């Protein structure tokens, strides 16, 4: 009789242990999902910020190049006009 009780107790303990393990695994899965979600959000924000900064920098470069080209062309036209004016004198 005691052997049967011991076996029953062992089976009950094994069942409770298995159940606790499943719950622990489930809890860890949830934590991992949450951590991955936060990491994904942080990564997306970092990429978004990097793209935004690249666009801002690109915009500044385009503006600077445009100004440089405009000034260079204006100076060349002015110089050419002055040269043509000097030829007429």
N, C-alpha and C. Protein backbone atom coordinates (compact mmCIF):
# COMPACT_ATOMS: atom_id res chain seq x y z
N UNK A 1 0.81 -1.19 0.00
CA UNK A 1 0.00 0.00 0.00
C UNK A 1 0.86 1.26 0.00
N UNK A 2 1.86 1.27 0.82
CA UNK A 2 2.73 2.45 0.85
C UNK A 2 3.45 2.63 -0.48
N UNK A 3 3.77 1.54 -1.14
CA UNK A 3 4.42 1.62 -2.44
C UNK A 3 3.52 2.32 -3.45
N UNK A 4 2.25 2.03 -3.38
CA UNK A 4 1.26 2.66 -4.27
C UNK A 4 1.12 4.14 -3.98
N UNK A 5 1.17 4.50 -2.70
CA UNK A 5 1.09 5.92 -2.33
C UNK A 5 2.33 6.68 -2.78
N UNK A 6 3.46 6.01 -2.62
CA UNK A 6 4.72 6.64 -3.07
C UNK A 6 4.71 6.89 -4.56
N UNK A 7 4.21 5.90 -5.30
CA UNK A 7 4.14 6.03 -6.75
C UNK A 7 3.17 7.15 -7.12
N UNK A 8 2.04 7.23 -6.44
CA UNK A 8 1.05 8.27 -6.69
C UNK A 8 1.64 9.64 -6.38
N UNK A 9 2.34 9.73 -5.28
CA UNK A 9 2.97 11.01 -4.90
C UNK A 9 4.01 11.41 -5.93
N UNK A 10 4.80 10.47 -6.41
CA UNK A 10 5.83 10.75 -7.41
C UNK A 10 5.20 11.22 -8.72
N UNK A 11 4.09 10.56 -9.10
CA UNK A 11 3.40 10.97 -10.32
C UNK A 11 2.81 12.38 -10.19
N UNK A 12 2.25 12.66 -9.00
CA UNK A 12 1.70 13.99 -8.75
C UNK A 12 2.80 15.05 -8.79
N UNK A 13 3.92 14.74 -8.19
CA UNK A 13 5.05 15.66 -8.18
C UNK A 13 5.57 15.88 -9.60
N UNK A 14 5.65 14.80 -10.36
CA UNK A 14 6.12 14.90 -11.75
C UNK A 14 5.17 15.77 -12.57
N UNK A 15 3.87 15.57 -12.35
CA UNK A 15 2.87 16.36 -13.08
C UNK A 15 2.97 17.84 -12.72
N UNK A 16 3.09 18.12 -11.42
CA UNK A 16 3.22 19.52 -10.99
C UNK A 16 4.50 20.15 -11.52
N UNK A 17 5.57 19.38 -11.53
CA UNK A 17 6.85 19.87 -12.05
C UNK A 17 6.74 20.17 -13.55
N UNK A 18 6.09 19.27 -14.27
CA UNK A 18 5.90 19.47 -15.72
C UNK A 18 5.06 20.72 -15.97
N UNK A 19 4.01 20.88 -15.19
CA UNK A 19 3.12 22.04 -15.34
C UNK A 19 3.88 23.33 -15.03
N UNK A 20 4.66 23.33 -13.97
CA UNK A 20 5.44 24.51 -13.59
C UNK A 20 6.47 24.84 -14.67
N UNK A 21 7.08 23.79 -15.23
CA UNK A 21 8.06 24.00 -16.30
C UNK A 21 7.40 24.63 -17.52
N UNK A 22 6.21 24.11 -17.90
CA UNK A 22 5.48 24.68 -19.03
C UNK A 22 5.15 26.15 -18.78
N UNK A 23 4.72 26.47 -17.57
CA UNK A 23 4.39 27.85 -17.23
C UNK A 23 5.63 28.73 -17.29
N UNK A 24 6.74 28.21 -16.80
CA UNK A 24 8.00 28.97 -16.83
C UNK A 24 8.44 29.21 -18.28
N UNK A 25 8.33 28.17 -19.11
CA UNK A 25 8.69 28.32 -20.53
C UNK A 25 7.79 29.36 -21.18
N UNK A 26 6.51 29.31 -20.90
CA UNK A 26 5.57 30.28 -21.46
C UNK A 26 5.93 31.71 -21.01
N UNK A 27 6.25 31.86 -19.73
CA UNK A 27 6.63 33.18 -19.22
C UNK A 27 7.89 33.68 -19.90
N UNK A 28 8.86 32.81 -20.09
CA UNK A 28 10.11 33.21 -20.76
C UNK A 28 9.82 33.59 -22.22
N UNK A 29 8.95 32.83 -22.89
CA UNK A 29 8.58 33.15 -24.27
C UNK A 29 7.97 34.55 -24.34
N UNK A 30 7.09 34.87 -23.40
CA UNK A 30 6.46 36.19 -23.38
C UNK A 30 7.49 37.30 -23.17
N UNK A 31 8.42 37.07 -22.26
CA UNK A 31 9.47 38.06 -22.01
C UNK A 31 10.32 38.24 -23.25
N UNK A 32 10.69 37.15 -23.90
CA UNK A 32 11.50 37.22 -25.11
C UNK A 32 10.75 37.99 -26.20
N UNK A 33 9.46 37.70 -26.38
CA UNK A 33 8.66 38.42 -27.37
C UNK A 33 8.67 39.91 -27.07
N UNK A 34 8.51 40.26 -25.81
CA UNK A 34 8.48 41.67 -25.42
C UNK A 34 9.82 42.34 -25.68
N UNK A 35 10.89 41.65 -25.31
CA UNK A 35 12.24 42.21 -25.52
C UNK A 35 12.51 42.38 -27.02
N UNK A 36 12.15 41.37 -27.81
CA UNK A 36 12.34 41.46 -29.26
C UNK A 36 11.51 42.61 -29.82
N UNK A 37 10.29 42.77 -29.33
CA UNK A 37 9.44 43.87 -29.78
C UNK A 37 10.07 45.22 -29.48
N UNK A 38 10.60 45.37 -28.28
CA UNK A 38 11.26 46.63 -27.92
C UNK A 38 12.52 46.86 -28.75
N UNK A 39 13.27 45.80 -28.98
CA UNK A 39 14.48 45.92 -29.79
C UNK A 39 14.12 46.31 -31.22
N UNK A 40 13.06 45.72 -31.73
CA UNK A 40 12.61 46.05 -33.09
C UNK A 40 12.20 47.52 -33.17
N UNK A 41 11.44 47.98 -32.17
CA UNK A 41 11.03 49.39 -32.13
C UNK A 41 12.24 50.31 -32.07
N UNK A 42 13.18 49.97 -31.21
CA UNK A 42 14.39 50.79 -31.07
C UNK A 42 15.17 50.81 -32.38
N UNK A 43 15.28 49.66 -33.02
CA UNK A 43 15.98 49.58 -34.30
C UNK A 43 15.30 50.41 -35.37
N UNK A 44 13.97 50.32 -35.42
CA UNK A 44 13.21 51.10 -36.41
C UNK A 44 13.40 52.60 -36.16
N UNK A 45 13.37 53.00 -34.90
CA UNK A 45 13.56 54.42 -34.58
C UNK A 45 14.97 54.87 -34.95
N UNK A 46 15.96 54.02 -34.71
CA UNK A 46 17.34 54.37 -35.05
C UNK A 46 17.49 54.52 -36.56
N UNK A 47 16.89 53.61 -37.31
CA UNK A 47 16.97 53.70 -38.78
C UNK A 47 16.25 54.95 -39.26
N UNK A 48 15.10 55.23 -38.68
CA UNK A 48 14.32 56.41 -39.05
C UNK A 48 15.13 57.69 -38.79
N UNK A 49 15.76 57.76 -37.62
CA UNK A 49 16.59 58.92 -37.28
C UNK A 49 17.78 59.05 -38.23
N UNK A 50 18.42 57.92 -38.54
CA UNK A 50 19.57 57.95 -39.45
C UNK A 50 19.15 58.44 -40.83
N UNK A 51 18.01 57.94 -41.32
CA UNK A 51 17.53 58.39 -42.63
C UNK A 51 17.18 59.87 -42.61
N UNK A 52 16.56 60.30 -41.52
CA UNK A 52 16.19 61.71 -41.40
C UNK A 52 17.44 62.60 -41.43
N UNK A 53 18.46 62.19 -40.67
CA UNK A 53 19.71 62.96 -40.65
C UNK A 53 20.39 62.94 -42.01
N UNK A 54 20.34 61.80 -42.69
CA UNK A 54 20.94 61.70 -44.02
C UNK A 54 20.21 62.61 -45.00
N UNK A 55 18.89 62.64 -44.90
CA UNK A 55 18.12 63.52 -45.78
C UNK A 55 18.43 64.98 -45.50
N UNK A 56 18.54 65.34 -44.21
CA UNK A 56 18.87 66.72 -43.85
C UNK A 56 20.25 67.09 -44.37
N UNK A 57 21.20 66.18 -44.18
CA UNK A 57 22.56 66.42 -44.66
C UNK A 57 22.57 66.52 -46.18
N UNK A 58 21.84 65.63 -46.82
CA UNK A 58 21.76 65.66 -48.29
C UNK A 58 21.15 66.96 -48.77
N UNK A 59 20.13 67.42 -48.08
CA UNK A 59 19.49 68.70 -48.44
C UNK A 59 20.47 69.85 -48.32
N UNK A 60 21.28 69.84 -47.26
CA UNK A 60 22.28 70.90 -47.07
C UNK A 60 23.33 70.84 -48.17
N UNK A 61 23.76 69.64 -48.53
CA UNK A 61 24.77 69.48 -49.58
C UNK A 61 24.22 69.98 -50.91
N UNK A 62 22.98 69.61 -51.22
CA UNK A 62 22.37 70.07 -52.48
C UNK A 62 22.29 71.58 -52.50
N UNK A 63 21.90 72.18 -51.39
CA UNK A 63 21.79 73.64 -51.32
C UNK A 63 23.17 74.27 -51.52
N UNK A 64 24.19 73.72 -50.86
CA UNK A 64 25.54 74.27 -51.00
C UNK A 64 26.05 74.12 -52.43
N UNK A 65 25.82 72.98 -53.03
CA UNK A 65 26.27 72.76 -54.41
C UNK A 65 25.54 73.72 -55.35
N UNK A 66 24.23 73.86 -55.14
CA UNK A 66 23.44 74.77 -55.98
C UNK A 66 23.97 76.20 -55.87
N UNK A 67 24.23 76.63 -54.65
CA UNK A 67 24.77 77.98 -54.44
C UNK A 67 26.13 78.13 -55.10
N UNK A 68 26.98 77.13 -54.97
CA UNK A 68 28.32 77.19 -55.57
C UNK A 68 28.23 77.26 -57.09
N UNK A 69 27.38 76.41 -57.67
CA UNK A 69 27.21 76.41 -59.13
C UNK A 69 26.65 77.74 -59.59
N UNK A 70 25.63 78.24 -58.88
CA UNK A 70 25.03 79.53 -59.24
C UNK A 70 26.07 80.65 -59.19
N UNK A 71 26.86 80.67 -58.13
CA UNK A 71 27.88 81.71 -58.00
C UNK A 71 28.94 81.58 -59.09
N UNK A 72 29.34 80.36 -59.38
CA UNK A 72 30.37 80.13 -60.40
C UNK A 72 29.86 80.57 -61.77
N UNK A 73 28.63 80.20 -62.10
CA UNK A 73 28.05 80.58 -63.40
C UNK A 73 27.87 82.09 -63.46
N UNK A 74 27.38 82.68 -62.39
CA UNK A 74 27.19 84.14 -62.35
C UNK A 74 28.53 84.85 -62.55
N UNK A 75 29.56 84.37 -61.85
CA UNK A 75 30.89 84.99 -62.00
C UNK A 75 31.42 84.81 -63.42
N UNK A 76 31.22 83.66 -64.02
CA UNK A 76 31.69 83.41 -65.38
C UNK A 76 30.96 84.30 -66.37
N UNK A 77 29.66 84.43 -66.24
CA UNK A 77 28.87 85.28 -67.14
C UNK A 77 29.28 86.74 -66.96
N UNK A 78 29.44 87.16 -65.72
CA UNK A 78 29.85 88.54 -65.44
C UNK A 78 31.22 88.81 -66.05
N UNK A 79 32.15 87.89 -65.86
CA UNK A 79 33.50 88.03 -66.39
C UNK A 79 33.48 88.09 -67.93
N UNK A 80 32.66 87.21 -68.53
CA UNK A 80 32.54 87.19 -69.99
C UNK A 80 31.93 88.49 -70.49
N UNK A 81 30.92 89.00 -69.78
CA UNK A 81 30.27 90.26 -70.19
C UNK A 81 31.26 91.41 -70.08
N UNK A 82 32.06 91.40 -69.01
CA UNK A 82 33.06 92.47 -68.84
C UNK A 82 34.11 92.38 -69.95
N UNK A 83 34.49 91.12 -70.29
CA UNK A 83 35.48 90.93 -71.37
C UNK A 83 34.93 91.42 -72.69
N UNK A 84 33.67 91.16 -72.97
CA UNK A 84 33.05 91.63 -74.22
C UNK A 84 32.93 93.15 -74.21
N UNK A 85 32.64 93.70 -73.03
CA UNK A 85 32.55 95.16 -72.92
C UNK A 85 33.88 95.81 -73.19
N UNK A 86 34.97 95.18 -72.70
CA UNK A 86 36.31 95.72 -72.89
C UNK A 86 36.72 95.64 -74.36
N UNK A 87 36.22 94.63 -75.08
CA UNK A 87 36.54 94.50 -76.51
C UNK A 87 35.93 95.62 -77.32
N UNK A 88 34.78 96.07 -76.90
CA UNK A 88 34.10 97.14 -77.61
C UNK A 88 34.72 98.50 -77.42
N UNK A 89 35.60 98.64 -76.46
CA UNK A 89 36.18 99.97 -76.16
C UNK A 89 37.40 100.25 -76.97
